[in-house]
């Protein structure tokens, strides 16, 4: 067996890649699908110019059969990752080192947990994970780069990487957990009375002024709808990030290739779209990604990004809503604090020691914060329903 580097995911057959990406029982994570990753590459959203150079690591047997893979990118910056290591880079470079380039094992611009070591299911999966970890370390040492970083990891990948000497880092997100609710009102019944009334009022105010909401998926994802959403995305991205990561071609490609996995929540007023939120569904979850608007209305952001996603999850019996990175404001809307995980291979001994010490303290702080926030969820303290 040997590991080779693929500079395009198109070098791997889609069915082979997608089978390897289904490492658990929940099904294919949409962001690890061949269609999603290839759309990023084909549109030019990732590549040399974007600072995300594909370097996918592929494990093959003697006949060239693909046994495992890891989506990876050589990076000259730390943008679009959502696990921030700018301080590590600054410290290392002040000490005379070169932090960039580095290897990033992740889905570009996507803070969603999923497999990073694509080993499929069945016998030998753990052994293939171990070989991929060795391949990552080998890539770092052979190229002379500073480090490799795998972000938003599932437990099996984290365990394999820790056993291979990667450093463990934690962070926090807010997820909605669908506990078998039959309707949104069923969910509201689990909240304290004041919180329940507040959310009802918030949703009413969000849809005032003649605003209606549409769910677009599959064939409903027309180029007209993508044109409108892209204008929202560009406006919000330009104000929030400075330079939006994705281009217009990317949205057409994902609409064509994976439309059934997409939910575009669009708000309409006076005959035109004024706001929208993009979601992906798969592996028992719905993932909120981007939002934007051309008109400002109270609470419309919360309605499209959080409440509508909850409605969709309940209606389609999805287990979890992941609404992206950070955001303690999600807590009041029924989203609960969840720890996320990443693993980091640092080649320089001195930098590794400094980061290991920092991460030990950071993990304690993250867990302490999660425990505090968990005490402030809007749920009834007695755990029972209340239909008042």
Protein backbone atom coordinates (compact mmCIF):
# COMPACT_ATOMS: atom_id res chain seq x y z
CA UNK A 1 0.00 0.00 0.00
CA UNK A 2 1.09 3.57 -0.68
CA UNK A 3 -0.21 7.11 -0.25
CA UNK A 4 -0.22 9.51 -3.16
CA UNK A 5 -1.27 13.14 -3.45
CA UNK A 6 -4.22 14.06 -5.70
CA UNK A 7 -4.45 17.68 -6.77
CA UNK A 8 -8.08 17.30 -7.85
CA UNK A 9 -10.83 15.26 -6.26
CA UNK A 10 -11.95 14.51 -9.82
CA UNK A 11 -9.03 12.04 -10.00
CA UNK A 12 -11.11 9.74 -7.78
CA UNK A 13 -14.34 8.14 -8.98
CA UNK A 14 -17.35 9.81 -7.26
CA UNK A 15 -18.86 6.49 -6.14
CA UNK A 16 -15.54 5.39 -4.63
CA UNK A 17 -15.02 8.67 -2.79
CA UNK A 18 -18.58 8.81 -1.45
CA UNK A 19 -18.41 5.21 -0.22
CA UNK A 20 -15.22 5.98 1.71
CA UNK A 21 -16.80 9.13 3.19
CA UNK A 22 -19.59 7.07 4.78
CA UNK A 23 -17.58 6.00 7.80
CA UNK A 24 -20.51 5.72 10.20
CA UNK A 25 -24.16 4.70 10.15
CA UNK A 26 -25.64 8.16 9.58
CA UNK A 27 -25.05 8.29 5.82
CA UNK A 28 -23.09 10.67 3.63
CA UNK A 29 -22.17 14.05 5.09
CA UNK A 30 -23.01 16.52 2.27
CA UNK A 31 -19.80 18.50 2.73
CA UNK A 32 -17.63 15.40 2.33
CA UNK A 33 -19.41 14.35 -0.83
CA UNK A 34 -17.50 14.24 -4.09
CA UNK A 35 -20.07 16.64 -5.58
CA UNK A 36 -19.48 19.34 -2.96
CA UNK A 37 -15.69 19.17 -2.95
CA UNK A 38 -15.52 19.02 -6.75
CA UNK A 39 -17.85 22.02 -7.03
CA UNK A 40 -15.43 24.02 -4.89
CA UNK A 41 -12.59 23.05 -7.21
CA UNK A 42 -14.43 23.36 -10.53
CA UNK A 43 -15.74 26.82 -9.66
CA UNK A 44 -12.31 28.07 -8.61
CA UNK A 45 -13.46 28.80 -5.07
CA UNK A 46 -10.49 26.71 -3.96
CA UNK A 47 -7.17 26.44 -5.75
CA UNK A 48 -3.83 28.20 -5.99
CA UNK A 49 -5.32 31.70 -6.28
CA UNK A 50 -7.61 31.16 -3.29
CA UNK A 51 -4.77 29.91 -1.11
CA UNK A 52 -6.41 26.48 -0.77
CA UNK A 53 -4.30 24.17 -2.96
CA UNK A 54 -5.85 20.67 -3.03
CA UNK A 55 -3.45 18.00 -1.77
CA UNK A 56 -5.84 15.14 -1.10
CA UNK A 57 -4.06 12.15 0.42
CA UNK A 58 -5.16 8.87 -1.13
CA UNK A 59 -4.26 5.39 0.12
CA UNK A 60 -4.04 2.76 -2.63
CA UNK A 61 -3.17 -0.92 -2.75
CA UNK A 62 -0.70 -2.52 -5.17
CA UNK A 63 -3.30 -2.60 -7.96
CA UNK A 64 -4.17 1.10 -7.64
CA UNK A 65 -7.47 0.46 -5.86
CA UNK A 66 -8.37 3.35 -3.55
CA UNK A 67 -8.69 2.18 0.06
CA UNK A 68 -8.94 5.47 1.97
CA UNK A 69 -8.58 9.21 1.48
CA UNK A 70 -8.25 12.48 3.38
CA UNK A 71 -9.38 15.82 1.91
CA UNK A 72 -6.41 18.14 2.43
CA UNK A 73 -5.23 21.55 1.29
CA UNK A 74 -1.87 23.30 1.34
CA UNK A 75 -2.44 26.78 2.70
CA UNK A 76 -0.49 30.01 2.84
CA UNK A 77 -2.88 31.65 5.33
CA UNK A 78 -5.42 30.75 8.03
CA UNK A 79 -8.55 32.19 6.48
CA UNK A 80 -11.81 30.29 6.11
CA UNK A 81 -11.07 27.71 8.81
CA UNK A 82 -13.03 28.79 11.92
CA UNK A 83 -10.40 27.28 14.23
CA UNK A 84 -8.07 30.17 14.78
CA UNK A 85 -4.31 29.69 14.86
CA UNK A 86 -3.18 33.18 13.88
CA UNK A 87 -1.56 33.60 17.30
CA UNK A 88 0.49 30.43 16.80
CA UNK A 89 1.66 31.68 13.41
CA UNK A 90 2.61 35.11 14.76
CA UNK A 91 4.54 33.66 17.69
CA UNK A 92 6.45 31.16 15.54
CA UNK A 93 7.37 33.74 12.93
CA UNK A 94 8.51 36.23 15.59
CA UNK A 95 10.82 33.48 16.83
CA UNK A 96 12.27 33.10 13.35
CA UNK A 97 10.20 30.17 12.08
CA UNK A 98 8.00 29.81 9.00
CA UNK A 99 4.47 28.76 9.93
CA UNK A 100 3.15 28.87 6.37
CA UNK A 101 2.57 26.89 4.28
CA UNK A 102 0.67 24.37 6.36
CA UNK A 103 -1.57 21.39 5.58
CA UNK A 104 -5.27 21.74 6.39
CA UNK A 105 -7.53 18.68 6.59
CA UNK A 106 -11.00 20.14 6.48
CA UNK A 107 -13.86 21.22 4.27
CA UNK A 108 -13.01 24.74 3.09
CA UNK A 109 -15.10 27.53 4.62
CA UNK A 110 -17.26 24.98 6.48
CA UNK A 111 -17.27 24.69 10.30
CA UNK A 112 -19.24 21.44 10.37
CA UNK A 113 -18.17 18.25 12.09
CA UNK A 114 -17.63 15.28 9.80
CA UNK A 115 -15.14 12.58 8.83
CA UNK A 116 -11.67 13.73 7.82
CA UNK A 117 -10.11 10.28 7.49
CA UNK A 118 -12.31 8.66 4.85
CA UNK A 119 -11.91 4.94 5.46
CA UNK A 120 -15.36 3.56 4.71
CA UNK A 121 -16.96 0.95 6.91
CA UNK A 122 -16.14 -2.56 7.97
CA UNK A 123 -13.04 -4.52 8.77
CA UNK A 124 -9.73 -2.70 8.66
CA UNK A 125 -11.12 0.84 9.06
CA UNK A 126 -9.01 1.57 12.16
CA UNK A 127 -5.87 0.30 10.44
CA UNK A 128 -6.56 2.55 7.46
CA UNK A 129 -6.98 5.52 9.79
CA UNK A 130 -3.60 4.76 11.33
CA UNK A 131 -1.95 4.62 7.91
CA UNK A 132 -3.52 7.94 6.89
CA UNK A 133 -2.23 9.54 10.09
CA UNK A 134 1.24 8.26 9.25
CA UNK A 135 0.82 9.65 5.76
CA UNK A 136 -0.08 13.08 7.09
CA UNK A 137 3.01 13.13 9.28
CA UNK A 138 5.09 11.90 6.35
CA UNK A 139 3.77 14.69 4.13
CA UNK A 140 4.72 17.30 6.74
CA UNK A 141 8.23 15.94 7.18
CA UNK A 142 8.92 15.36 3.48
CA UNK A 143 7.74 18.80 2.40
CA UNK A 144 9.33 20.59 5.35
CA UNK A 145 6.15 22.48 6.25
CA UNK A 146 5.42 23.46 9.82
CA UNK A 147 2.26 21.55 10.62
CA UNK A 148 -0.95 19.75 9.72
CA UNK A 149 -4.36 20.65 11.14
CA UNK A 150 -7.54 18.56 11.07
CA UNK A 151 -10.61 20.49 12.18
CA UNK A 152 -14.18 19.63 13.24
CA UNK A 153 -13.37 15.99 13.85
CA UNK A 154 -15.57 13.01 14.59
CA UNK A 155 -14.55 10.92 17.64
CA UNK A 156 -13.01 8.04 15.68
CA UNK A 157 -10.70 10.38 13.74
CA UNK A 158 -9.77 12.31 16.88
CA UNK A 159 -8.81 9.09 18.68
CA UNK A 160 -6.64 7.93 15.79
CA UNK A 161 -4.87 11.26 15.55
CA UNK A 162 -4.25 11.55 19.28
CA UNK A 163 -2.76 8.05 19.26
CA UNK A 164 -0.47 9.23 16.46
CA UNK A 165 0.76 12.18 18.49
CA UNK A 166 -1.48 14.99 17.27
CA UNK A 167 -2.43 17.66 19.81
CA UNK A 168 -6.10 17.90 20.81
CA UNK A 169 -7.95 21.22 20.68
CA UNK A 170 -11.55 22.00 21.61
CA UNK A 171 -13.98 24.76 20.79
CA UNK A 172 -17.71 25.34 21.08
CA UNK A 173 -20.76 25.58 18.84
CA UNK A 174 -24.51 25.65 19.42
CA UNK A 175 -26.71 22.87 18.02
CA UNK A 176 -30.44 22.25 18.17
CA UNK A 177 -31.26 18.68 19.21
CA UNK A 178 -34.54 17.26 17.96
CA UNK A 179 -35.83 15.09 20.80
CA UNK A 180 -38.60 13.53 18.76
CA UNK A 181 -40.73 16.68 18.53
CA UNK A 182 -43.86 16.35 16.42
CA UNK A 183 -44.13 20.10 15.80
CA UNK A 184 -42.54 23.41 16.72
CA UNK A 185 -45.21 23.86 19.38
CA UNK A 186 -44.15 20.49 20.81
CA UNK A 187 -40.63 21.89 21.16
CA UNK A 188 -41.92 25.15 22.65
CA UNK A 189 -43.74 23.17 25.34
CA UNK A 190 -40.35 22.14 26.77
CA UNK A 191 -39.33 25.77 27.35
CA UNK A 192 -39.90 28.02 30.32
CA UNK A 193 -43.04 30.09 29.89
CA UNK A 194 -41.28 33.44 29.48
CA UNK A 195 -38.87 32.03 26.88
CA UNK A 196 -41.70 30.37 24.98
CA UNK A 197 -43.71 33.57 24.75
CA UNK A 198 -40.63 35.50 23.68
CA UNK A 199 -39.92 33.16 20.78
CA UNK A 200 -43.53 33.24 19.59
CA UNK A 201 -43.47 37.02 19.58
CA UNK A 202 -40.09 37.09 17.84
CA UNK A 203 -41.33 34.86 15.02
CA UNK A 204 -44.47 36.94 14.56
CA UNK A 205 -42.48 40.16 14.32
CA UNK A 206 -39.99 38.62 11.87
CA UNK A 207 -42.75 37.93 9.36
CA UNK A 208 -44.57 41.23 9.77
CA UNK A 209 -44.61 43.77 6.93
CA UNK A 210 -45.98 41.26 4.44
CA UNK A 211 -43.00 38.89 4.49
CA UNK A 212 -43.52 35.28 3.42
CA UNK A 213 -41.05 32.38 3.55
CA UNK A 214 -40.38 29.75 0.88
CA UNK A 215 -38.42 26.49 1.10
CA UNK A 216 -36.56 25.80 -2.15
CA UNK A 217 -34.91 22.48 -2.88
CA UNK A 218 -34.24 20.24 -5.88
CA UNK A 219 -35.79 21.63 -9.06
CA UNK A 220 -36.98 24.74 -7.24
CA UNK A 221 -33.36 25.92 -7.08
CA UNK A 222 -33.57 28.04 -10.22
CA UNK A 223 -30.86 30.35 -11.51
CA UNK A 224 -33.14 33.25 -10.59
CA UNK A 225 -33.21 32.08 -6.99
CA UNK A 226 -29.42 31.63 -6.96
CA UNK A 227 -28.95 35.12 -8.45
CA UNK A 228 -30.99 36.58 -5.61
CA UNK A 229 -29.24 34.57 -2.94
CA UNK A 230 -25.79 35.36 -4.32
CA UNK A 231 -26.55 39.07 -4.04
CA UNK A 232 -27.44 38.51 -0.37
CA UNK A 233 -24.28 36.47 0.18
CA UNK A 234 -22.04 39.08 -1.42
CA UNK A 235 -23.56 41.94 0.55
CA UNK A 236 -23.25 40.20 3.91
CA UNK A 237 -19.86 38.68 3.12
CA UNK A 238 -18.37 41.98 2.01
CA UNK A 239 -19.49 43.68 5.21
CA UNK A 240 -18.66 40.84 7.60
CA UNK A 241 -15.56 39.14 6.16
CA UNK A 242 -14.12 41.69 3.74
CA UNK A 243 -13.89 39.19 0.86
CA UNK A 244 -16.52 36.48 0.34
CA UNK A 245 -14.98 33.07 -0.30
CA UNK A 246 -17.44 31.63 -2.82
CA UNK A 247 -18.28 32.73 -6.36
CA UNK A 248 -21.49 32.65 -8.35
CA UNK A 249 -20.46 29.56 -10.35
CA UNK A 250 -20.19 27.49 -7.17
CA UNK A 251 -23.88 27.94 -6.34
CA UNK A 252 -25.00 26.87 -9.81
CA UNK A 253 -22.82 23.77 -9.58
CA UNK A 254 -24.12 22.61 -6.22
CA UNK A 255 -27.68 23.32 -7.33
CA UNK A 256 -27.14 21.08 -10.34
CA UNK A 257 -25.15 18.34 -8.61
CA UNK A 258 -26.72 18.08 -5.15
CA UNK A 259 -29.98 20.02 -5.23
CA UNK A 260 -31.84 17.39 -3.23
CA UNK A 261 -29.39 17.93 -0.35
CA UNK A 262 -29.95 21.70 -0.28
CA UNK A 263 -32.59 23.79 1.48
CA UNK A 264 -32.67 27.44 0.46
CA UNK A 265 -34.91 29.39 2.83
CA UNK A 266 -35.99 32.57 1.05
CA UNK A 267 -38.01 35.53 2.31
CA UNK A 268 -40.20 37.41 -0.16
CA UNK A 269 -41.83 40.84 0.18
CA UNK A 270 -43.71 42.90 -2.42
CA UNK A 271 -43.04 40.31 -5.10
CA UNK A 272 -39.26 40.00 -4.73
CA UNK A 273 -36.79 38.04 -2.64
CA UNK A 274 -35.28 40.17 0.12
CA UNK A 275 -33.33 37.65 2.23
CA UNK A 276 -32.22 34.05 2.29
CA UNK A 277 -30.39 31.34 4.22
CA UNK A 278 -28.58 28.38 2.68
CA UNK A 279 -28.71 24.98 4.36
CA UNK A 280 -27.45 21.49 3.52
CA UNK A 281 -29.08 18.28 4.74
CA UNK A 282 -27.57 14.86 5.20
CA UNK A 283 -26.35 12.30 7.72
CA UNK A 284 -29.42 12.96 9.87
CA UNK A 285 -28.69 16.66 10.20
CA UNK A 286 -29.34 20.02 8.65
CA UNK A 287 -26.43 22.43 8.45
CA UNK A 288 -26.94 26.18 8.25
CA UNK A 289 -24.24 27.90 6.20
CA UNK A 290 -24.84 31.36 4.71
CA UNK A 291 -27.32 34.15 5.15
CA UNK A 292 -27.86 37.55 3.58
CA UNK A 293 -30.47 40.23 2.93
CA UNK A 294 -31.13 43.42 1.00
CA UNK A 295 -33.72 44.74 3.44
CA UNK A 296 -33.39 44.94 7.22
CA UNK A 297 -36.32 43.65 9.26
CA UNK A 298 -36.37 42.86 13.00
CA UNK A 299 -35.60 39.24 13.82
CA UNK A 300 -35.63 38.13 10.16
CA UNK A 301 -32.10 36.74 10.50
CA UNK A 302 -33.15 34.59 13.46
CA UNK A 303 -36.26 33.42 11.64
CA UNK A 304 -34.54 32.31 8.44
CA UNK A 305 -31.36 30.91 9.97
CA UNK A 306 -32.54 29.28 13.20
CA UNK A 307 -36.31 28.91 13.51
CA UNK A 308 -36.90 27.74 9.94
CA UNK A 309 -34.08 25.22 10.26
CA UNK A 310 -35.74 23.86 13.40
CA UNK A 311 -39.08 23.65 11.56
CA UNK A 312 -37.42 21.71 8.74
CA UNK A 313 -35.60 19.34 11.08
CA UNK A 314 -38.81 18.53 12.96
CA UNK A 315 -40.82 18.08 9.76
CA UNK A 316 -38.20 15.77 8.24
CA UNK A 317 -37.27 13.98 11.48
CA UNK A 318 -33.66 15.12 11.40
CA UNK A 319 -31.80 14.72 14.65
CA UNK A 320 -29.68 17.88 14.83
CA UNK A 321 -29.44 21.40 13.44
CA UNK A 322 -25.89 22.71 13.17
CA UNK A 323 -26.11 26.44 12.62
CA UNK A 324 -22.45 27.22 12.02
CA UNK A 325 -19.72 28.63 14.21
CA UNK A 326 -20.03 30.55 17.47
CA UNK A 327 -23.07 32.63 18.38
CA UNK A 328 -24.27 32.63 22.00
CA UNK A 329 -27.47 34.31 20.78
CA UNK A 330 -28.52 30.86 19.53
CA UNK A 331 -28.86 29.70 23.14
CA UNK A 332 -32.11 31.58 23.70
CA UNK A 333 -33.57 29.93 20.59
CA UNK A 334 -33.18 26.37 21.82
CA UNK A 335 -29.67 25.67 20.58
CA UNK A 336 -27.40 24.00 23.12
CA UNK A 337 -23.62 24.29 23.68
CA UNK A 338 -21.62 21.46 22.09
CA UNK A 339 -17.87 20.85 22.17
CA UNK A 340 -16.09 20.56 18.81
CA UNK A 341 -12.68 18.97 18.29
CA UNK A 342 -9.57 19.42 16.17
CA UNK A 343 -6.13 17.80 16.04
CA UNK A 344 -2.79 19.40 15.20
CA UNK A 345 0.54 17.87 14.19
CA UNK A 346 3.34 20.36 14.93
CA UNK A 347 6.77 19.42 13.62
CA UNK A 348 8.94 21.92 15.53
CA UNK A 349 9.55 20.60 19.11
CA UNK A 350 9.60 24.03 20.72
CA UNK A 351 6.44 25.21 19.02
CA UNK A 352 4.76 21.90 19.84
CA UNK A 353 5.56 22.25 23.57
CA UNK A 354 4.25 25.81 23.68
CA UNK A 355 1.02 24.90 21.86
CA UNK A 356 0.49 21.77 23.98
CA UNK A 357 0.68 23.86 27.16
CA UNK A 358 -1.72 26.43 25.74
CA UNK A 359 -4.23 23.79 24.61
CA UNK A 360 -4.34 22.13 28.03
CA UNK A 361 -5.47 25.40 29.56
CA UNK A 362 -7.79 26.23 26.67
CA UNK A 363 -9.60 22.88 26.94
CA UNK A 364 -10.36 23.54 30.60
CA UNK A 365 -11.70 27.00 29.76
CA UNK A 366 -13.87 25.69 26.92
CA UNK A 367 -15.42 22.99 29.10
CA UNK A 368 -16.02 25.44 31.95
CA UNK A 369 -17.74 27.85 29.57
CA UNK A 370 -19.90 25.06 28.16
CA UNK A 371 -21.04 24.05 31.63
CA UNK A 372 -21.95 27.63 32.51
CA UNK A 373 -23.88 28.16 29.27
CA UNK A 374 -25.69 24.84 29.67
CA UNK A 375 -27.21 26.24 32.86
CA UNK A 376 -28.76 29.08 30.85
CA UNK A 377 -30.67 27.18 28.18
CA UNK A 378 -34.35 28.18 27.85
CA UNK A 379 -35.63 24.71 28.77
CA UNK A 380 -37.86 24.09 31.77
CA UNK A 381 -35.78 23.07 34.77
CA UNK A 382 -38.21 20.30 35.70
CA UNK A 383 -37.79 18.76 32.25
CA UNK A 384 -41.54 18.41 31.69
CA UNK A 385 -43.80 19.90 29.00
CA UNK A 386 -45.84 23.01 29.59
CA UNK A 387 -48.54 23.86 27.07
CA UNK A 388 -49.64 27.14 28.61
